[in-house]
Structure formats: structure tokens, C-alpha cells
Amino acid sequence: MKGYIEERVIELANFIIEKKTTVRAAAKKFGISKSTVHKDVTERLAAINPNMAIEVRNVLEENKAERHIRGGQATKVKYQGGTGLKI
């Protein structure tokens, strides 16, 4: 694996672990696709640093478990803010 890819993988992993962020947010921050982030932190990271790969996996699993809650909150804000009605 090329050196710049390994550096990117480690940077992505550190970002996800420190910020407890999603794959989508990491992709946006680094200017790469979600698929690349996912491949980097699931496949490539396991070969480079298995312990860090476990930490990232835990963060991603936590995000996946909370995904439906964030979606519900976004929908609530969308419909409460858009109508002008107060309940």
C-alpha cells in the first residue's frame, strides 16, 4: 500500500474516533467519497492497525444504532419549523 494512502487511513481513523463522527461527515471533511472512507476504515485500517480498526468499528456501530433517532429529529425540525404553527 502506498504511503499517502496509509497516512489518509490513519488520519480518517483518528478523526472518526476523536469526533465520534459518521462516515458521511468524515468524507465531507476530507473531500473524498463515503465509499472510500468506508473501505479505508474497514479493510485497509485492519491491515495497518488492528486495534484502531476495532475502535473505529465501535464508533461506526454506535452511529448505526443511533441513525434512526437522528433521522426522526431531523424530520421533527423540518415539519415544526416550516409551518409557522405553534403547538
N, C-alpha and C. Protein backbone atom coordinates (compact mmCIF):
# COMPACT_ATOMS: atom_id res chain seq x y z
N MET A 1 0.85 -1.17 0.00
CA MET A 1 0.00 0.00 0.00
C MET A 1 0.90 1.24 0.00
N LYS A 2 0.48 2.24 -0.74
CA LYS A 2 1.28 3.45 -0.84
C LYS A 2 1.23 4.26 0.45
N GLY A 3 2.29 5.00 0.70
CA GLY A 3 2.42 5.76 1.94
C GLY A 3 1.33 6.78 2.16
N TYR A 4 0.93 7.50 1.09
CA TYR A 4 -0.09 8.52 1.27
C TYR A 4 -1.45 7.91 1.60
N ILE A 5 -1.70 6.70 1.13
CA ILE A 5 -2.97 6.04 1.47
C ILE A 5 -2.96 5.66 2.94
N GLU A 6 -1.85 5.12 3.42
CA GLU A 6 -1.75 4.75 4.83
C GLU A 6 -1.92 5.97 5.72
N GLU A 7 -1.33 7.10 5.32
CA GLU A 7 -1.49 8.34 6.10
C GLU A 7 -2.94 8.77 6.15
N ARG A 8 -3.62 8.70 5.00
CA ARG A 8 -5.03 9.08 4.93
C ARG A 8 -5.88 8.18 5.82
N VAL A 9 -5.60 6.88 5.77
CA VAL A 9 -6.35 5.91 6.57
C VAL A 9 -6.22 6.23 8.06
N ILE A 10 -5.00 6.50 8.51
CA ILE A 10 -4.76 6.82 9.92
C ILE A 10 -5.43 8.14 10.30
N GLU A 11 -5.34 9.14 9.42
CA GLU A 11 -6.00 10.43 9.69
C GLU A 11 -7.51 10.27 9.80
N LEU A 12 -8.09 9.51 8.87
CA LEU A 12 -9.53 9.26 8.92
C LEU A 12 -9.93 8.56 10.22
N ALA A 13 -9.17 7.54 10.58
CA ALA A 13 -9.48 6.78 11.79
C ALA A 13 -9.40 7.67 13.02
N ASN A 14 -8.35 8.48 13.11
CA ASN A 14 -8.22 9.38 14.25
C ASN A 14 -9.37 10.38 14.30
N PHE A 15 -9.76 10.90 13.15
CA PHE A 15 -10.86 11.86 13.09
C PHE A 15 -12.16 11.22 13.57
N ILE A 16 -12.45 10.03 13.08
CA ILE A 16 -13.69 9.35 13.45
C ILE A 16 -13.70 9.02 14.94
N ILE A 17 -12.57 8.57 15.47
CA ILE A 17 -12.50 8.21 16.89
C ILE A 17 -12.62 9.45 17.78
N GLU A 18 -11.87 10.50 17.46
CA GLU A 18 -11.86 11.70 18.31
C GLU A 18 -13.20 12.43 18.28
N LYS A 19 -13.78 12.57 17.10
CA LYS A 19 -15.02 13.35 16.96
C LYS A 19 -16.27 12.50 17.08
N LYS A 20 -16.11 11.17 17.12
CA LYS A 20 -17.26 10.25 17.16
C LYS A 20 -18.20 10.56 16.00
N THR A 21 -17.63 10.75 14.84
CA THR A 21 -18.38 11.22 13.69
C THR A 21 -18.80 10.07 12.77
N THR A 22 -19.58 10.41 11.78
CA THR A 22 -20.08 9.43 10.82
C THR A 22 -19.16 9.34 9.62
N VAL A 23 -19.36 8.31 8.82
CA VAL A 23 -18.60 8.16 7.57
C VAL A 23 -18.89 9.34 6.66
N ARG A 24 -20.14 9.77 6.60
CA ARG A 24 -20.53 10.89 5.74
C ARG A 24 -19.81 12.17 6.14
N ALA A 25 -19.73 12.45 7.43
CA ALA A 25 -19.06 13.67 7.91
C ALA A 25 -17.56 13.59 7.64
N ALA A 26 -16.97 12.42 7.81
CA ALA A 26 -15.54 12.26 7.54
C ALA A 26 -15.26 12.45 6.05
N ALA A 27 -16.12 11.92 5.21
CA ALA A 27 -15.95 12.07 3.76
C ALA A 27 -16.00 13.54 3.37
N LYS A 28 -16.94 14.25 3.95
CA LYS A 28 -17.08 15.67 3.63
C LYS A 28 -15.85 16.45 4.09
N LYS A 29 -15.37 16.17 5.29
CA LYS A 29 -14.21 16.86 5.86
C LYS A 29 -12.95 16.64 5.02
N PHE A 30 -12.74 15.41 4.55
CA PHE A 30 -11.53 15.07 3.81
C PHE A 30 -11.70 15.21 2.29
N GLY A 31 -12.90 15.50 1.84
CA GLY A 31 -13.12 15.69 0.41
C GLY A 31 -13.00 14.43 -0.42
N ILE A 32 -13.44 13.31 0.15
CA ILE A 32 -13.41 12.04 -0.56
C ILE A 32 -14.79 11.39 -0.45
N SER A 33 -15.01 10.32 -1.20
CA SER A 33 -16.32 9.69 -1.20
C SER A 33 -16.56 8.85 0.07
N LYS A 34 -17.84 8.62 0.36
CA LYS A 34 -18.20 7.78 1.50
C LYS A 34 -17.67 6.37 1.31
N SER A 35 -17.67 5.89 0.07
CA SER A 35 -17.18 4.53 -0.20
C SER A 35 -15.70 4.41 0.13
N THR A 36 -14.93 5.45 -0.20
CA THR A 36 -13.50 5.44 0.08
C THR A 36 -13.26 5.45 1.58
N VAL A 37 -14.00 6.28 2.31
CA VAL A 37 -13.85 6.32 3.76
C VAL A 37 -14.17 4.96 4.34
N HIS A 38 -15.28 4.37 3.91
CA HIS A 38 -15.69 3.08 4.44
C HIS A 38 -14.64 2.01 4.16
N LYS A 39 -14.13 1.97 2.93
CA LYS A 39 -13.10 0.98 2.59
C LYS A 39 -11.83 1.22 3.41
N ASP A 40 -11.46 2.49 3.56
CA ASP A 40 -10.26 2.82 4.33
C ASP A 40 -10.36 2.34 5.78
N VAL A 41 -11.48 2.63 6.43
CA VAL A 41 -11.57 2.35 7.86
C VAL A 41 -12.03 0.93 8.18
N THR A 42 -12.52 0.20 7.20
CA THR A 42 -12.90 -1.19 7.48
C THR A 42 -11.85 -2.17 6.98
N GLU A 43 -11.42 -2.04 5.73
CA GLU A 43 -10.48 -3.00 5.16
C GLU A 43 -9.02 -2.59 5.38
N ARG A 44 -8.67 -1.42 4.92
CA ARG A 44 -7.26 -1.01 4.95
C ARG A 44 -6.75 -0.79 6.37
N LEU A 45 -7.57 -0.21 7.23
CA LEU A 45 -7.13 0.06 8.60
C LEU A 45 -6.85 -1.24 9.36
N ALA A 46 -7.62 -2.27 9.09
CA ALA A 46 -7.41 -3.56 9.77
C ALA A 46 -6.02 -4.11 9.46
N ALA A 47 -5.53 -3.86 8.27
CA ALA A 47 -4.20 -4.34 7.89
C ALA A 47 -3.09 -3.47 8.50
N ILE A 48 -3.39 -2.19 8.71
CA ILE A 48 -2.38 -1.25 9.21
C ILE A 48 -2.31 -1.25 10.73
N ASN A 49 -3.49 -1.12 11.37
CA ASN A 49 -3.55 -1.01 12.82
C ASN A 49 -4.83 -1.68 13.33
N PRO A 50 -4.79 -2.97 13.63
CA PRO A 50 -5.99 -3.71 14.04
C PRO A 50 -6.68 -3.14 15.28
N ASN A 51 -5.91 -2.64 16.25
CA ASN A 51 -6.53 -2.09 17.46
C ASN A 51 -7.35 -0.83 17.14
N MET A 52 -6.80 0.02 16.30
CA MET A 52 -7.51 1.23 15.91
C MET A 52 -8.75 0.87 15.09
N ALA A 53 -8.65 -0.19 14.30
CA ALA A 53 -9.79 -0.64 13.49
C ALA A 53 -10.96 -1.05 14.40
N ILE A 54 -10.66 -1.66 15.52
CA ILE A 54 -11.71 -2.05 16.47
C ILE A 54 -12.38 -0.81 17.05
N GLU A 55 -11.58 0.19 17.41
CA GLU A 55 -12.15 1.44 17.95
C GLU A 55 -13.07 2.11 16.94
N VAL A 56 -12.62 2.19 15.68
CA VAL A 56 -13.43 2.81 14.63
C VAL A 56 -14.71 2.01 14.44
N ARG A 57 -14.60 0.69 14.42
CA ARG A 57 -15.79 -0.15 14.24
C ARG A 57 -16.81 0.12 15.33
N ASN A 58 -16.35 0.29 16.57
CA ASN A 58 -17.26 0.57 17.68
C ASN A 58 -17.99 1.90 17.47
N VAL A 59 -17.26 2.92 17.03
CA VAL A 59 -17.89 4.23 16.77
C VAL A 59 -18.91 4.10 15.65
N LEU A 60 -18.56 3.41 14.58
CA LEU A 60 -19.48 3.27 13.45
C LEU A 60 -20.71 2.46 13.83
N GLU A 61 -20.55 1.46 14.66
CA GLU A 61 -21.70 0.67 15.10
C GLU A 61 -22.63 1.50 15.99
N GLU A 62 -22.02 2.34 16.83
CA GLU A 62 -22.82 3.22 17.68
C GLU A 62 -23.61 4.21 16.81
N ASN A 63 -22.96 4.76 15.79
CA ASN A 63 -23.65 5.68 14.87
C ASN A 63 -24.78 4.98 14.15
N LYS A 64 -24.55 3.74 13.74
CA LYS A 64 -25.59 2.99 13.04
C LYS A 64 -26.79 2.74 13.94
N ALA A 65 -26.52 2.45 15.21
CA ALA A 65 -27.60 2.20 16.17
C ALA A 65 -28.42 3.46 16.43
N GLU A 66 -27.79 4.63 16.35
CA GLU A 66 -28.48 5.90 16.63
C GLU A 66 -29.04 6.57 15.39
N ARG A 67 -28.81 6.00 14.24
CA ARG A 67 -29.19 6.62 12.96
C ARG A 67 -30.69 6.94 12.89
N HIS A 68 -31.52 6.03 13.33
CA HIS A 68 -32.96 6.25 13.24
C HIS A 68 -33.41 7.40 14.15
N ILE A 69 -32.71 7.62 15.25
CA ILE A 69 -33.05 8.72 16.16
C ILE A 69 -32.73 10.05 15.50
N ARG A 70 -31.54 10.16 14.90
CA ARG A 70 -31.15 11.40 14.22
C ARG A 70 -32.09 11.72 13.07
N GLY A 71 -32.52 10.70 12.34
CA GLY A 71 -33.46 10.90 11.24
C GLY A 71 -34.80 11.42 11.74
N GLY A 72 -35.26 10.88 12.85
CA GLY A 72 -36.52 11.34 13.43
C GLY A 72 -36.43 12.77 13.91
N GLN A 73 -35.31 13.14 14.49
CA GLN A 73 -35.12 14.52 14.96
C GLN A 73 -35.10 15.48 13.78
N ALA A 74 -34.44 15.10 12.70
CA ALA A 74 -34.38 15.96 11.51
C ALA A 74 -35.76 16.16 10.92
N THR A 75 -36.55 15.10 10.89
CA THR A 75 -37.92 15.20 10.37
C THR A 75 -38.76 16.10 11.26
N LYS A 76 -38.62 15.97 12.56
CA LYS A 76 -39.37 16.80 13.50
C LYS A 76 -39.05 18.28 13.29
N VAL A 77 -37.76 18.61 13.17
CA VAL A 77 -37.36 20.00 12.95
C VAL A 77 -37.91 20.51 11.63
N LYS A 78 -37.85 19.69 10.62
CA LYS A 78 -38.32 20.07 9.30
C LYS A 78 -39.79 20.48 9.33
N TYR A 79 -40.61 19.70 9.99
CA TYR A 79 -42.05 19.97 9.98
C TYR A 79 -42.49 20.98 11.03
N GLN A 80 -41.75 21.14 12.10
CA GLN A 80 -42.09 22.14 13.09
C GLN A 80 -41.70 23.53 12.62
N GLY A 81 -40.54 23.65 12.04
CA GLY A 81 -40.03 24.95 11.62
C GLY A 81 -40.66 25.46 10.35
N GLY A 82 -41.13 24.60 9.48
CA GLY A 82 -41.61 25.02 8.17
C GLY A 82 -43.03 25.54 8.13
N THR A 83 -43.89 25.21 9.12
CA THR A 83 -45.30 25.57 9.01
C THR A 83 -45.63 26.90 9.67
N GLY A 84 -44.85 27.31 10.63
CA GLY A 84 -45.16 28.54 11.35
C GLY A 84 -46.19 28.33 12.44
N LEU A 85 -46.74 27.13 12.58
CA LEU A 85 -47.73 26.84 13.62
C LEU A 85 -47.03 26.49 14.92
N LYS A 86 -47.58 26.99 16.01
CA LYS A 86 -47.06 26.65 17.34
C LYS A 86 -48.04 25.70 18.01
N ILE A 87 -47.50 24.64 18.54
CA ILE A 87 -48.38 23.65 19.20
C ILE A 87 -48.23 23.78 20.69
